Amino acid sequence: MSNIRAIRGMNDILPDATAIWQYVEATVRELVASYGYAEIRMPIVEQTDLFKRSIGEVTDIVEKEMYTFDDRNGESLTLRPEGTACCVRAAIQNSLLNTTRRLWYVGPMFRYERPQKGRQRQFHQVGVELFGTSSPLADAEVIAMMVRFVERIGLSGVAVNVNSLGDGESKTR
């Protein structure tokens, strides 16, 4: 058994670190609840086409960085590389988009990339999705929520920079 090790880039979270993880997760849960977000849990494995459609077939993520495999029936499946596509699929499939809907998720994501400093093949991500509004205030809400999260967990020296691609008129100037 001594030769069996964790897969490179997929690390154990040991007891000394779990208290920190639990604190961060509890802070997230409390904060998103205060903004009216409901938790959603999606499968770790999805049909590959979900990511090809949402991310784009000719992106590095789809072409090189997804853990994709065929199951016994020949169906192409992928370990989720990000949460947005899964959340949208779940919301549509379960008819959750009849009204403005605030959803959040947390969990492991997977990218098949060569592990380097600061990069992991299995990493953990928190995400929020706000459906049913086109108001720019929705983006402002998410940014404000993130700023509050950073403050609550005690990070310092963090700056928020907001950029915009602009609209059609401003692009022609």
Foldseek 3Di string as FASTA:
>chain_A
DVVDDDDFQDDDQDPVRVVVVVVLVVLVVVLVVVVPADEDDFDQKDQLVLCCVPVNCPDCQNPPWWPWDADPVRGIMTGAQDDPSRVVVVCVVVVVQPAWHKYKYKDWHATRDDDDVPGGRIDMDIDMDTPDDPDCVVVVVVVVSVVVSCVVSPDPPDDDDDDDPDDPVVVVD
